[in-house]
Amino acid sequence: MQTARFYIGQVVRHRMYPFRGVIFDVDPEFGNTEEWYQAIPEDVRPRKEQPFYHLLAENAESEYVAYVSEQNLVPDDSREPIRHPQVGELFDGPVDGAYRLKGAHRN
């Protein structure tokens, strides 16, 4: 099992598709249904043995929850806030381009 490269509160974007989001949970390996996995076209289907991230995601048209493999994410350095309506329920911020879970320990 590999260590997650991204962290909760980090803003990321999809490597191939035009959406971005803030990470709110991480699975160390694929943790969704086999039906969901098989619905991904085989030529772009990621391997299961890697971290998968739950995102409060958005694209030009809408906001939604996404489940994305690590290999398909890259950091989003735009510093643009995420407009997803649930961001304020889970996070404070953004501060320096990232979010902090509400109630998380402050330094």
Protein backbone atom coordinates (compact mmCIF):
# COMPACT_ATOMS: atom_id res chain seq x y z
CA MET A 1 0.00 0.00 0.00
CA GLN A 2 1.36 3.41 -0.89
CA THR A 3 1.22 6.56 1.21
CA ALA A 4 -1.28 9.19 0.10
CA ARG A 5 0.38 12.02 -1.82
CA PHE A 6 -2.41 14.52 -1.18
CA TYR A 7 -4.01 15.60 2.10
CA ILE A 8 -7.44 16.46 3.49
CA GLY A 9 -8.13 20.11 2.78
CA GLN A 10 -5.88 20.25 -0.28
CA VAL A 11 -7.32 21.65 -3.51
CA VAL A 12 -6.67 19.38 -6.49
CA ARG A 13 -7.79 19.09 -10.08
CA HIS A 14 -8.34 16.10 -12.34
CA ARG A 15 -5.51 15.30 -14.70
CA MET A 16 -7.80 14.63 -17.71
CA TYR A 17 -11.24 16.07 -16.98
CA PRO A 18 -12.15 19.73 -16.33
CA PHE A 19 -13.00 19.64 -12.64
CA ARG A 20 -11.37 20.51 -9.35
CA GLY A 21 -12.21 20.09 -5.70
CA VAL A 22 -11.12 19.93 -2.08
CA ILE A 23 -10.25 16.56 -0.52
CA PHE A 24 -12.47 15.63 2.44
CA ASP A 25 -11.54 11.95 2.87
CA VAL A 26 -8.94 9.43 1.69
CA ASP A 27 -9.19 5.66 1.18
CA PRO A 28 -5.77 3.93 1.24
CA GLU A 29 -6.99 1.70 -1.61
CA PHE A 30 -10.10 1.55 -3.79
CA GLY A 31 -13.14 1.41 -1.53
CA ASN A 32 -16.12 1.89 -3.82
CA THR A 33 -18.34 -0.75 -5.42
CA GLU A 34 -17.22 -3.12 -8.14
CA GLU A 35 -20.14 -1.87 -10.24
CA TRP A 36 -18.79 1.71 -9.97
CA TYR A 37 -15.30 0.51 -10.91
CA GLN A 38 -16.49 -1.49 -13.93
CA ALA A 39 -18.43 1.56 -15.20
CA ILE A 40 -15.12 3.34 -15.85
CA PRO A 41 -14.00 2.77 -19.46
CA GLU A 42 -11.29 0.12 -19.42
CA ASP A 43 -8.76 2.25 -21.29
CA VAL A 44 -8.82 4.88 -18.50
CA ARG A 45 -9.69 2.64 -15.52
CA PRO A 46 -7.16 3.24 -12.71
CA ARG A 47 -5.59 0.45 -10.72
CA LYS A 48 -7.24 -0.26 -7.35
CA GLU A 49 -4.00 -0.49 -5.33
CA GLN A 50 -3.52 3.23 -4.75
CA PRO A 51 -5.13 5.93 -2.62
CA PHE A 52 -8.56 7.17 -3.72
CA TYR A 53 -9.85 10.58 -2.69
CA HIS A 54 -13.31 11.90 -1.89
CA LEU A 55 -13.68 15.44 -3.24
CA LEU A 56 -16.18 18.23 -2.87
CA ALA A 57 -15.88 18.86 -6.59
CA GLU A 58 -16.99 21.43 -9.13
CA ASN A 59 -16.86 22.03 -12.83
CA ALA A 60 -18.19 24.91 -14.92
CA GLU A 61 -21.80 23.67 -14.60
CA SER A 62 -22.24 22.13 -11.15
CA GLU A 63 -20.97 21.02 -7.77
CA TYR A 64 -20.92 17.36 -6.71
CA VAL A 65 -18.98 14.71 -4.78
CA ALA A 66 -16.28 12.88 -6.75
CA TYR A 67 -14.22 9.76 -6.03
CA VAL A 68 -10.86 9.91 -7.81
CA SER A 69 -7.70 7.81 -7.93
CA GLU A 70 -4.42 9.41 -6.95
CA GLN A 71 -2.95 8.84 -10.42
CA ASN A 72 -5.64 11.14 -11.87
CA LEU A 73 -5.09 14.10 -9.54
CA VAL A 74 -2.66 16.99 -9.58
CA PRO A 75 -2.39 19.93 -7.17
CA ASP A 76 -4.48 22.97 -8.07
CA ASP A 77 -2.36 26.05 -7.47
CA SER A 78 -4.91 28.58 -8.74
CA ARG A 79 -5.77 29.69 -5.17
CA GLU A 80 -9.37 30.14 -6.35
CA PRO A 81 -11.84 29.22 -3.60
CA ILE A 82 -14.01 26.12 -4.05
CA ARG A 83 -17.68 27.12 -4.45
CA HIS A 84 -19.18 23.75 -3.46
CA PRO A 85 -21.99 24.48 -0.94
CA GLN A 86 -20.72 21.91 1.61
CA VAL A 87 -17.21 23.40 1.89
CA GLY A 88 -18.32 25.75 4.68
CA GLU A 89 -19.87 22.84 6.63
CA LEU A 90 -16.61 20.85 6.73
CA PHE A 91 -13.81 23.38 6.40
CA ASP A 92 -12.47 26.77 7.40
CA GLY A 93 -10.58 28.73 4.78
CA PRO A 94 -9.13 28.81 2.30
CA VAL A 95 -5.86 29.93 3.85
CA ASP A 96 -2.79 29.89 1.61
CA GLY A 97 -4.75 27.94 -1.01
CA ALA A 98 -5.85 25.07 1.28
CA TYR A 99 -8.69 24.35 3.70
CA ARG A 100 -8.62 23.22 7.34
CA LEU A 101 -11.19 20.84 8.79
CA LYS A 102 -13.50 22.63 11.21
CA GLY A 103 -12.43 21.91 14.76
CA ALA A 104 -8.94 20.76 13.70
CA HIS A 105 -6.13 21.57 16.09
CA ARG A 106 -4.62 24.98 15.51
CA ASN A 107 -0.88 25.58 15.89
